[in-house]
Amino acid sequence: MKKSSAFTLAEVLITLAIIGVVAAMTIPGVILRTNQQEYKSGFKKAISVLNQAVTMNLAIDNDSPEYQKNAQDLHDYLIKRMNVMRSDITAGSNKAFYTADGFRYEIGTVPAEGCSQEVPCIISVDVNGDRGPTTVDDKSYITSNYPTAADTEVPDCFAVMVTDVSVQPYGAVAQRTMYQADSN
């Protein structure tokens, strides 16, 4: 009788089970890191787009955020130079708008003296728009659940400050996301 040198069904099944266990343990981590890189890239793009809008308004119209005295004025100032898809959103006293890349910007309280280095205006940026994990509707926006500096995950929602000449990350998490080198 000839002896064959093939794998038995049990050996194949055990090998497949081991591969399945390893995949089940590693895939969620890979997805999480991918999503966090997407949020980080989106945030950097949002800062860039907002800075570009401020710079263009300064260059073309000689208009600065410091001349915007309320949320509606700052809203109109920014959307003039951004690719806005929808801007008719009011969330309480805040004004919000969506850009073509799916980001949601919400303008909070604007100081009576306008946006400046001493008293900046704060804008919330959700780089996922209405997609999870931070979902929004037209009437409310999650602004009180910002992550703290101790959190290690990159969120999909950030705060930025608008001064008289630029837009910068606001808070420890936003600054870490913007300036910390990737560890991958």
C-alpha atoms as a PDB file:
ATOM      1  CA  MET A   1       0.000   0.000   0.000  1.00  0.00           C
ATOM      2  CA  LYS A   2       1.226   3.489  -0.874  1.00  0.00           C
ATOM      3  CA  LYS A   3       1.604   6.022   1.885  1.00  0.00           C
ATOM      4  CA  SER A   4       0.390   9.541   1.029  1.00  0.00           C
ATOM      5  CA  SER A   5       1.902  12.625   2.559  1.00  0.00           C
ATOM      6  CA  ALA A   6      -1.126  14.918   2.893  1.00  0.00           C
ATOM      7  CA  PHE A   7      -2.517  16.873   5.811  1.00  0.00           C
ATOM      8  CA  THR A   8      -5.350  15.363   7.744  1.00  0.00           C
ATOM      9  CA  LEU A   9      -8.658  17.164   8.103  1.00  0.00           C
ATOM     10  CA  ALA A  10      -7.970  17.737  11.803  1.00  0.00           C
ATOM     11  CA  GLU A  11      -4.625  19.423  11.074  1.00  0.00           C
ATOM     12  CA  VAL A  12      -6.218  21.734   8.511  1.00  0.00           C
ATOM     13  CA  LEU A  13      -9.054  22.660  10.871  1.00  0.00           C
ATOM     14  CA  ILE A  14      -6.672  23.401  13.755  1.00  0.00           C
ATOM     15  CA  THR A  15      -4.559  25.616  11.474  1.00  0.00           C
ATOM     16  CA  LEU A  16      -7.656  27.511  10.302  1.00  0.00           C
ATOM     17  CA  ALA A  17      -8.818  27.958  13.903  1.00  0.00           C
ATOM     18  CA  ILE A  18      -5.443  29.428  14.900  1.00  0.00           C
ATOM     19  CA  ILE A  19      -5.517  31.820  11.933  1.00  0.00           C
ATOM     20  CA  GLY A  20      -9.082  32.846  12.880  1.00  0.00           C
ATOM     21  CA  VAL A  21      -8.106  33.570  16.489  1.00  0.00           C
ATOM     22  CA  VAL A  22      -5.093  35.654  15.436  1.00  0.00           C
ATOM     23  CA  ALA A  23      -7.234  37.606  12.935  1.00  0.00           C
ATOM     24  CA  ALA A  24      -9.956  38.217  15.528  1.00  0.00           C
ATOM     25  CA  MET A  25      -7.370  39.643  17.916  1.00  0.00           C
ATOM     26  CA  THR A  26      -5.559  41.906  15.434  1.00  0.00           C
ATOM     27  CA  ILE A  27      -8.246  43.251  13.084  1.00  0.00           C
ATOM     28  CA  PRO A  28     -10.009  45.518  15.637  1.00  0.00           C
ATOM     29  CA  GLY A  29      -6.690  47.180  16.510  1.00  0.00           C
ATOM     30  CA  VAL A  30      -5.891  47.762  12.855  1.00  0.00           C
ATOM     31  CA  ILE A  31      -9.335  49.280  12.254  1.00  0.00           C
ATOM     32  CA  LEU A  32      -8.977  51.547  15.313  1.00  0.00           C
ATOM     33  CA  ARG A  33      -5.550  52.810  14.197  1.00  0.00           C
ATOM     34  CA  THR A  34      -6.863  53.385  10.677  1.00  0.00           C
ATOM     35  CA  ASN A  35      -9.835  55.389  11.971  1.00  0.00           C
ATOM     36  CA  GLN A  36      -7.624  57.451  14.267  1.00  0.00           C
ATOM     37  CA  GLN A  37      -5.276  58.269  11.371  1.00  0.00           C
ATOM     38  CA  GLU A  38      -8.334  59.321   9.359  1.00  0.00           C
ATOM     39  CA  TYR A  39      -9.473  61.625  12.196  1.00  0.00           C
ATOM     40  CA  LYS A  40      -5.978  63.071  12.573  1.00  0.00           C
ATOM     41  CA  SER A  41      -5.652  63.757   8.843  1.00  0.00           C
ATOM     42  CA  GLY A  42      -9.145  65.246   8.745  1.00  0.00           C
ATOM     43  CA  PHE A  43      -8.360  67.574  11.631  1.00  0.00           C
ATOM     44  CA  LYS A  44      -5.170  68.793   9.974  1.00  0.00           C
ATOM     45  CA  LYS A  45      -7.124  69.406   6.776  1.00  0.00           C
ATOM     46  CA  ALA A  46      -9.829  71.319   8.674  1.00  0.00           C
ATOM     47  CA  ILE A  47      -7.214  73.597  10.273  1.00  0.00           C
ATOM     48  CA  SER A  48      -5.658  74.170   6.863  1.00  0.00           C
ATOM     49  CA  VAL A  49      -8.999  74.970   5.198  1.00  0.00           C
ATOM     50  CA  LEU A  50      -9.985  77.391   7.969  1.00  0.00           C
ATOM     51  CA  ASN A  51      -6.580  79.108   7.829  1.00  0.00           C
ATOM     52  CA  GLN A  52      -6.900  79.372   4.067  1.00  0.00           C
ATOM     53  CA  ALA A  53     -10.335  81.012   4.431  1.00  0.00           C
ATOM     54  CA  VAL A  54      -8.975  83.543   6.950  1.00  0.00           C
ATOM     55  CA  THR A  55      -5.912  84.277   4.783  1.00  0.00           C
ATOM     56  CA  MET A  56      -7.999  84.717   1.634  1.00  0.00           C
ATOM     57  CA  ASN A  57     -10.427  87.053   3.406  1.00  0.00           C
ATOM     58  CA  LEU A  58      -7.483  89.085   4.690  1.00  0.00           C
ATOM     59  CA  ALA A  59      -5.807  89.209   1.274  1.00  0.00           C
ATOM     60  CA  ILE A  60      -8.824  89.779  -0.954  1.00  0.00           C
ATOM     61  CA  ASP A  61     -11.223  91.773   1.232  1.00  0.00           C
ATOM     62  CA  ASN A  62      -8.833  93.111   3.891  1.00  0.00           C
ATOM     63  CA  ASP A  63     -11.302  91.591   6.368  1.00  0.00           C
ATOM     64  CA  SER A  64     -10.246  89.970   9.638  1.00  0.00           C
ATOM     65  CA  PRO A  65     -12.099  87.717  12.095  1.00  0.00           C
ATOM     66  CA  GLU A  66     -11.725  90.491  14.672  1.00  0.00           C
ATOM     67  CA  TYR A  67     -14.405  92.463  12.799  1.00  0.00           C
ATOM     68  CA  GLN A  68     -16.967  89.642  13.159  1.00  0.00           C
ATOM     69  CA  LYS A  69     -19.077  90.493  16.210  1.00  0.00           C
ATOM     70  CA  ASN A  70     -21.428  87.473  16.425  1.00  0.00           C
ATOM     71  CA  ALA A  71     -21.741  83.834  15.335  1.00  0.00           C
ATOM     72  CA  GLN A  72     -23.708  84.736  12.191  1.00  0.00           C
ATOM     73  CA  ASP A  73     -21.068  87.250  11.068  1.00  0.00           C
ATOM     74  CA  LEU A  74     -18.218  84.769  11.643  1.00  0.00           C
ATOM     75  CA  HIS A  75     -20.244  82.068   9.889  1.00  0.00           C
ATOM     76  CA  ASP A  76     -20.768  84.293   6.832  1.00  0.00           C
ATOM     77  CA  TYR A  77     -17.108  85.362   6.926  1.00  0.00           C
ATOM     78  CA  LEU A  78     -15.828  81.770   6.827  1.00  0.00           C
ATOM     79  CA  ILE A  79     -18.236  80.247   4.315  1.00  0.00           C
ATOM     80  CA  LYS A  80     -17.438  82.995   1.827  1.00  0.00           C
ATOM     81  CA  ARG A  81     -14.087  81.260   1.104  1.00  0.00           C
ATOM     82  CA  MET A  82     -14.938  77.611   1.852  1.00  0.00           C
ATOM     83  CA  ASN A  83     -16.584  74.890  -0.236  1.00  0.00           C
ATOM     84  CA  VAL A  84     -19.799  74.735   1.805  1.00  0.00           C
ATOM     85  CA  MET A  85     -22.529  72.215   1.031  1.00  0.00           C
ATOM     86  CA  ARG A  86     -25.062  73.238   3.674  1.00  0.00           C
ATOM     87  CA  SER A  87     -25.028  76.289   5.900  1.00  0.00           C
ATOM     88  CA  ASP A  88     -28.586  76.816   7.105  1.00  0.00           C
ATOM     89  CA  ILE A  89     -28.065  75.093  10.454  1.00  0.00           C
ATOM     90  CA  THR A  90     -28.780  76.649  13.835  1.00  0.00           C
ATOM     91  CA  ALA A  91     -27.965  74.656  16.982  1.00  0.00           C
ATOM     92  CA  GLY A  92     -29.245  76.742  19.888  1.00  0.00           C
ATOM     93  CA  SER A  93     -27.416  80.052  19.567  1.00  0.00           C
ATOM     94  CA  ASN A  94     -24.636  78.407  17.540  1.00  0.00           C
ATOM     95  CA  LYS A  95     -24.313  78.451  13.761  1.00  0.00           C
ATOM     96  CA  ALA A  96     -23.101  75.372  11.904  1.00  0.00           C
ATOM     97  CA  PHE A  97     -22.245  74.365   8.351  1.00  0.00           C
ATOM     98  CA  TYR A  98     -21.055  71.344   6.367  1.00  0.00           C
ATOM     99  CA  THR A  99     -18.282  71.412   3.799  1.00  0.00           C
ATOM    100  CA  ALA A 100     -17.941  69.260   0.688  1.00  0.00           C
ATOM    101  CA  ASP A 101     -15.462  66.951   2.438  1.00  0.00           C
ATOM    102  CA  GLY A 102     -18.116  65.980   4.996  1.00  0.00           C
ATOM    103  CA  PHE A 103     -16.805  68.027   7.917  1.00  0.00           C
ATOM    104  CA  ARG A 104     -19.176  69.815  10.274  1.00  0.00           C
ATOM    105  CA  TYR A 105     -18.129  73.157  11.742  1.00  0.00           C
ATOM    106  CA  GLU A 106     -20.065  74.716  14.607  1.00  0.00           C
ATOM    107  CA  ILE A 107     -19.408  78.267  15.737  1.00  0.00           C
ATOM    108  CA  GLY A 108     -19.995  78.908  19.421  1.00  0.00           C
ATOM    109  CA  THR A 109     -20.173  82.221  21.196  1.00  0.00           C
ATOM    110  CA  VAL A 110     -18.281  85.043  19.521  1.00  0.00           C
ATOM    111  CA  PRO A 111     -16.965  87.779  21.856  1.00  0.00           C
ATOM    112  CA  ALA A 112     -18.515  91.225  21.363  1.00  0.00           C
ATOM    113  CA  GLU A 113     -15.068  92.580  20.464  1.00  0.00           C
ATOM    114  CA  GLY A 114     -14.600  89.907  17.765  1.00  0.00           C
ATOM    115  CA  CYS A 115     -11.965  87.164  17.556  1.00  0.00           C
ATOM    116  CA  SER A 116      -8.494  88.128  18.768  1.00  0.00           C
ATOM    117  CA  GLN A 117      -5.336  86.663  20.289  1.00  0.00           C
ATOM    118  CA  GLU A 118      -6.522  87.669  23.763  1.00  0.00           C
ATOM    119  CA  VAL A 119     -10.100  86.385  23.340  1.00  0.00           C
ATOM    120  CA  PRO A 120     -10.300  83.836  20.512  1.00  0.00           C
ATOM    121  CA  CYS A 121     -13.502  82.475  19.006  1.00  0.00           C
ATOM    122  CA  ILE A 122     -14.016  78.734  19.454  1.00  0.00           C
ATOM    123  CA  ILE A 123     -15.244  76.494  16.644  1.00  0.00           C
ATOM    124  CA  SER A 124     -16.074  72.801  16.978  1.00  0.00           C
ATOM    125  CA  VAL A 125     -14.969  70.634  14.071  1.00  0.00           C
ATOM    126  CA  ASP A 126     -16.419  67.156  13.581  1.00  0.00           C
ATOM    127  CA  VAL A 127     -14.275  65.514  10.906  1.00  0.00           C
ATOM    128  CA  ASN A 128     -16.890  62.786  10.408  1.00  0.00           C
ATOM    129  CA  GLY A 129     -19.880  65.079  10.034  1.00  0.00           C
ATOM    130  CA  ASP A 130     -22.965  62.976  10.732  1.00  0.00           C
ATOM    131  CA  ARG A 131     -21.164  59.635  10.565  1.00  0.00           C
ATOM    132  CA  GLY A 132     -20.293  58.017  13.901  1.00  0.00           C
ATOM    133  CA  PRO A 133     -18.996  57.874  16.508  1.00  0.00           C
ATOM    134  CA  THR A 134     -20.055  61.478  17.267  1.00  0.00           C
ATOM    135  CA  THR A 135     -23.370  61.884  15.481  1.00  0.00           C
ATOM    136  CA  VAL A 136     -25.244  65.144  15.383  1.00  0.00           C
ATOM    137  CA  ASP A 137     -28.631  66.415  14.329  1.00  0.00           C
ATOM    138  CA  ASP A 138     -29.739  69.906  13.376  1.00  0.00           C
ATOM    139  CA  LYS A 139     -30.766  70.875  16.903  1.00  0.00           C
ATOM    140  CA  SER A 140     -27.986  69.661  19.189  1.00  0.00           C
ATOM    141  CA  TYR A 141     -24.289  69.077  19.046  1.00  0.00           C
ATOM    142  CA  ILE A 142     -22.058  67.255  21.489  1.00  0.00           C
ATOM    143  CA  THR A 143     -19.836  69.986  22.891  1.00  0.00           C
ATOM    144  CA  SER A 144     -19.501  68.974  26.530  1.00  0.00           C
ATOM    145  CA  ASN A 145     -17.925  65.549  25.990  1.00  0.00           C
ATOM    146  CA  TYR A 146     -14.575  66.594  24.615  1.00  0.00           C
ATOM    147  CA  PRO A 147     -11.767  64.206  25.495  1.00  0.00           C
ATOM    148  CA  THR A 148      -9.235  65.120  28.133  1.00  0.00           C
ATOM    149  CA  ALA A 149      -5.455  65.256  27.865  1.00  0.00           C
ATOM    150  CA  ALA A 150      -5.228  61.858  29.582  1.00  0.00           C
ATOM    151  CA  ASP A 151      -7.147  60.113  26.769  1.00  0.00           C
ATOM    152  CA  THR A 152      -4.948  58.254  24.323  1.00  0.00           C
ATOM    153  CA  GLU A 153      -7.408  57.786  21.462  1.00  0.00           C
ATOM    154  CA  VAL A 154      -7.803  60.421  18.773  1.00  0.00           C
ATOM    155  CA  PRO A 155     -11.427  61.647  18.699  1.00  0.00           C
ATOM    156  CA  ASP A 156     -13.405  62.669  15.621  1.00  0.00           C
ATOM    157  CA  CYS A 157     -14.456  66.003  17.146  1.00  0.00           C
ATOM    158  CA  PHE A 158     -12.060  68.839  17.952  1.00  0.00           C
ATOM    159  CA  ALA A 159     -12.082  72.440  19.107  1.00  0.00           C
ATOM    160  CA  VAL A 160     -10.166  75.150  17.263  1.00  0.00           C
ATOM    161  CA  MET A 161      -9.637  78.795  18.129  1.00  0.00           C
ATOM    162  CA  VAL A 162      -9.920  81.598  15.632  1.00  0.00           C
ATOM    163  CA  THR A 163      -7.800  84.661  16.342  1.00  0.00           C
ATOM    164  CA  ASP A 164      -7.511  87.860  14.360  1.00  0.00           C
ATOM    165  CA  VAL A 165      -5.040  86.309  11.891  1.00  0.00           C
ATOM    166  CA  SER A 166      -5.085  82.494  12.177  1.00  0.00           C
ATOM    167  CA  VAL A 167      -6.777  79.295  13.272  1.00  0.00           C
ATOM    168  CA  GLN A 168      -5.055  77.023  15.806  1.00  0.00           C
ATOM    169  CA  PRO A 169      -5.922  73.830  17.699  1.00  0.00           C
ATOM    170  CA  TYR A 170      -7.628  74.540  21.019  1.00  0.00           C
ATOM    171  CA  GLY A 171      -6.999  72.344  24.031  1.00  0.00           C
ATOM    172  CA  ALA A 172      -4.519  69.621  24.880  1.00  0.00           C
ATOM    173  CA  VAL A 173      -6.072  66.882  22.754  1.00  0.00           C
ATOM    174  CA  ALA A 174      -6.362  69.057  19.654  1.00  0.00           C
ATOM    175  CA  GLN A 175      -2.782  70.299  20.053  1.00  0.00           C
ATOM    176  CA  ARG A 176      -1.449  66.772  20.600  1.00  0.00           C
ATOM    177  CA  THR A 177      -3.359  65.552  17.535  1.00  0.00           C
ATOM    178  CA  MET A 178      -2.033  68.386  15.406  1.00  0.00           C
ATOM    179  CA  TYR A 179       1.602  68.480  16.492  1.00  0.00           C
ATOM    180  CA  GLN A 180       2.574  65.059  17.895  1.00  0.00           C
ATOM    181  CA  ALA A 181       4.494  62.848  15.496  1.00  0.00           C
ATOM    182  CA  ASP A 182       2.901  59.591  14.408  1.00  0.00           C
ATOM    183  CA  SER A 183       4.079  56.604  16.418  1.00  0.00           C
ATOM    184  CA  ASN A 184       3.455  53.984  13.736  1.00  0.00           C
END
